[in-house]
């Protein structure tokens, strides 16, 4: 829920952010919007082809928090290329989050309950519109850079608070 509400809703703020901070053309906004998925593609390739010396829960929480902190940092940069780079690096984190959200269910949930729990994962993914509404309202009130920062930092803090539940699902 945290990633879908506080992180992935960032894309709806990009046109306002790109215009306000970089006087970005539609092409430049497209480049910004493609930075995180580009990094995620590279991250997914690394996860699929290398042995990562971290537990799945560490990848999930660490990737999530890393993306949100990099998003908050990018939101406050006045240089387009550096913002793009931070978003692309953040994509490594979204790859870890995306790959591990299902993996954690498969390795920690009894086989007879997996389909129900995976249904809950889908429900959590479906919380994305709540984040879109929140980020849009926040952008209206405090501006795009501040809204991205508030959303991302709030999400990172919540992910760190909830990390214990991810570390020990049976608790």
Protein backbone atom coordinates (compact mmCIF):
# COMPACT_ATOMS: atom_id res chain seq x y z
CA UNK A 1 0.00 0.00 0.00
CA UNK A 2 2.77 2.44 0.92
CA UNK A 3 4.52 2.26 -2.46
CA UNK A 4 1.29 2.52 -4.41
CA UNK A 5 -0.11 5.45 -2.44
CA UNK A 6 3.03 7.45 -1.63
CA UNK A 7 5.50 6.56 -4.38
CA UNK A 8 3.97 5.41 -7.66
CA UNK A 9 1.51 8.31 -7.68
CA UNK A 10 4.50 10.55 -8.53
CA UNK A 11 3.85 10.22 -12.27
CA UNK A 12 0.74 12.37 -12.13
CA UNK A 13 2.76 15.29 -10.76
CA UNK A 14 5.45 15.14 -13.46
CA UNK A 15 3.88 17.55 -15.96
CA UNK A 16 3.46 20.24 -13.29
CA UNK A 17 6.88 19.54 -11.78
CA UNK A 18 8.68 19.49 -15.13
CA UNK A 19 7.08 22.77 -16.17
CA UNK A 20 7.61 24.53 -12.82
CA UNK A 21 11.20 23.48 -12.23
CA UNK A 22 12.71 22.88 -15.68
CA UNK A 23 10.32 24.73 -18.02
CA UNK A 24 10.19 21.30 -19.62
CA UNK A 25 8.76 20.56 -23.03
CA UNK A 26 6.44 17.57 -23.42
CA UNK A 27 9.43 15.55 -24.67
CA UNK A 28 11.44 16.39 -21.57
CA UNK A 29 8.53 15.41 -19.35
CA UNK A 30 8.39 12.12 -21.24
CA UNK A 31 12.09 11.61 -20.53
CA UNK A 32 11.49 12.26 -16.82
CA UNK A 33 8.56 9.84 -16.81
CA UNK A 34 10.72 7.18 -18.47
CA UNK A 35 13.67 7.48 -16.09
CA UNK A 36 12.31 5.28 -13.29
CA UNK A 37 11.05 2.52 -15.63
CA UNK A 38 14.44 2.57 -17.38
CA UNK A 39 16.18 2.03 -14.05
CA UNK A 40 13.62 -0.64 -13.13
CA UNK A 41 14.37 -2.52 -16.35
CA UNK A 42 18.07 -2.57 -15.47
CA UNK A 43 17.27 -3.51 -11.87
CA UNK A 44 15.01 -6.36 -12.95
CA UNK A 45 17.75 -7.68 -15.25
CA UNK A 46 20.25 -7.57 -12.37
CA UNK A 47 17.84 -9.36 -10.01
CA UNK A 48 17.10 -12.00 -12.65
CA UNK A 49 20.73 -12.67 -13.61
CA UNK A 50 22.71 -12.21 -10.40
CA UNK A 51 22.64 -13.59 -6.91
CA UNK A 52 21.81 -10.66 -4.65
CA UNK A 53 23.24 -11.18 -1.14
CA UNK A 54 20.14 -9.77 0.58
CA UNK A 55 17.03 -11.47 1.92
CA UNK A 56 13.82 -10.84 -0.07
CA UNK A 57 12.38 -8.69 2.74
CA UNK A 58 15.52 -6.54 2.74
CA UNK A 59 15.27 -6.06 -1.02
CA UNK A 60 11.57 -5.22 -0.77
CA UNK A 61 11.84 -2.65 2.00
CA UNK A 62 15.27 -1.35 1.00
CA UNK A 63 14.26 -0.92 -2.63
CA UNK A 64 11.06 0.84 -1.64
CA UNK A 65 12.74 3.24 0.76
CA UNK A 66 15.61 3.91 -1.67
CA UNK A 67 13.20 4.83 -4.44
CA UNK A 68 11.19 7.18 -2.25
CA UNK A 69 14.29 8.94 -0.89
CA UNK A 70 15.75 9.32 -4.38
CA UNK A 71 12.40 10.66 -5.62
CA UNK A 72 12.37 13.24 -2.80
CA UNK A 73 15.93 14.27 -3.66
CA UNK A 74 15.17 14.50 -7.39
CA UNK A 75 12.12 16.66 -6.69
CA UNK A 76 14.40 19.31 -5.23
CA UNK A 77 17.08 19.40 -7.90
CA UNK A 78 17.15 22.32 -10.33
CA UNK A 79 19.19 20.36 -12.91
CA UNK A 80 17.19 18.17 -15.30
CA UNK A 81 19.95 15.62 -15.98
CA UNK A 82 20.63 15.05 -12.27
CA UNK A 83 16.92 14.66 -11.52
CA UNK A 84 16.67 12.15 -14.38
CA UNK A 85 19.67 10.23 -13.03
CA UNK A 86 18.24 10.01 -9.51
CA UNK A 87 14.91 8.80 -10.87
CA UNK A 88 16.69 6.15 -12.95
CA UNK A 89 18.66 5.02 -9.89
CA UNK A 90 15.39 4.92 -7.99
CA UNK A 91 14.12 2.50 -10.62
CA UNK A 92 16.56 -0.06 -9.24
CA UNK A 93 14.57 0.16 -6.01
CA UNK A 94 11.20 -0.21 -7.72
CA UNK A 95 12.50 -3.32 -9.46
CA UNK A 96 13.42 -4.81 -6.08
CA UNK A 97 10.04 -3.88 -4.64
CA UNK A 98 8.12 -5.27 -7.60
CA UNK A 99 10.05 -8.52 -7.77
CA UNK A 100 9.88 -9.18 -4.04
CA UNK A 101 6.22 -8.35 -3.36
CA UNK A 102 5.11 -11.66 -4.88
CA UNK A 103 8.23 -13.55 -3.83
CA UNK A 104 7.57 -12.75 -0.17
CA UNK A 105 4.07 -14.20 -0.44
CA UNK A 106 5.29 -17.35 -2.17
CA UNK A 107 8.01 -18.09 0.40
CA UNK A 108 6.09 -17.05 3.55
CA UNK A 109 2.47 -18.12 3.01
CA UNK A 110 1.12 -21.66 3.16
CA UNK A 111 0.20 -23.02 -0.26
CA UNK A 112 -3.51 -23.26 0.55
CA UNK A 113 -3.66 -19.54 1.45
CA UNK A 114 -1.46 -18.11 -1.34
CA UNK A 115 -4.22 -17.24 -3.78
CA UNK A 116 -6.09 -15.27 -1.10
CA UNK A 117 -2.96 -13.42 -0.01
CA UNK A 118 -1.99 -12.67 -3.61
CA UNK A 119 -5.50 -11.26 -3.99
CA UNK A 120 -4.67 -8.93 -1.10
CA UNK A 121 -1.48 -7.90 -2.89
CA UNK A 122 -3.61 -6.97 -5.90
CA UNK A 123 -5.93 -5.00 -3.63
CA UNK A 124 -2.92 -3.11 -2.24
CA UNK A 125 -1.76 -2.31 -5.76
CA UNK A 126 -5.28 -1.02 -6.41
CA UNK A 127 -4.77 1.71 -3.78
CA UNK A 128 -2.83 3.72 -6.38
CA UNK A 129 -5.78 6.06 -7.17
CA UNK A 130 -5.82 7.20 -3.53
CA UNK A 131 -2.22 8.33 -3.94
CA UNK A 132 -3.06 10.08 -7.21
CA UNK A 133 -5.82 12.06 -5.49
CA UNK A 134 -3.57 12.91 -2.55
CA UNK A 135 -0.61 13.98 -4.67
CA UNK A 136 -2.84 16.08 -6.92
CA UNK A 137 -4.46 17.85 -3.97
CA UNK A 138 -1.09 18.39 -2.33
CA UNK A 139 0.39 19.74 -5.57
CA UNK A 140 -2.48 22.21 -5.78
CA UNK A 141 -1.78 23.47 -2.26
CA UNK A 142 2.02 23.46 -1.93
CA UNK A 143 3.41 23.02 -5.45
CA UNK A 144 4.85 20.02 -7.29
CA UNK A 145 8.35 19.83 -5.77
CA UNK A 146 7.06 20.10 -2.23
CA UNK A 147 4.23 17.62 -2.93
CA UNK A 148 6.65 15.04 -4.35
CA UNK A 149 8.92 15.54 -1.35
CA UNK A 150 6.13 15.23 1.23
CA UNK A 151 4.61 12.16 -0.41
CA UNK A 152 7.96 10.39 -0.86
CA UNK A 153 9.30 11.17 2.61
CA UNK A 154 6.02 10.17 4.25
CA UNK A 155 6.08 6.90 2.31
CA UNK A 156 9.71 6.22 3.22
CA UNK A 157 8.97 6.83 6.91
CA UNK A 158 5.93 4.53 6.80
CA UNK A 159 7.92 1.81 5.02
CA UNK A 160 10.55 1.96 7.74
CA UNK A 161 7.88 1.82 10.46
CA UNK A 162 6.24 -1.21 8.84
CA UNK A 163 9.49 -3.00 7.96
CA UNK A 164 9.26 -5.20 11.05
CA UNK A 165 6.02 -6.74 9.72
CA UNK A 166 7.77 -7.51 6.44
CA UNK A 167 10.78 -8.92 8.28
CA UNK A 168 8.62 -11.35 10.22
CA UNK A 169 5.26 -11.89 8.47
CA UNK A 170 4.09 -14.43 11.06
CA UNK A 171 4.39 -11.86 13.86
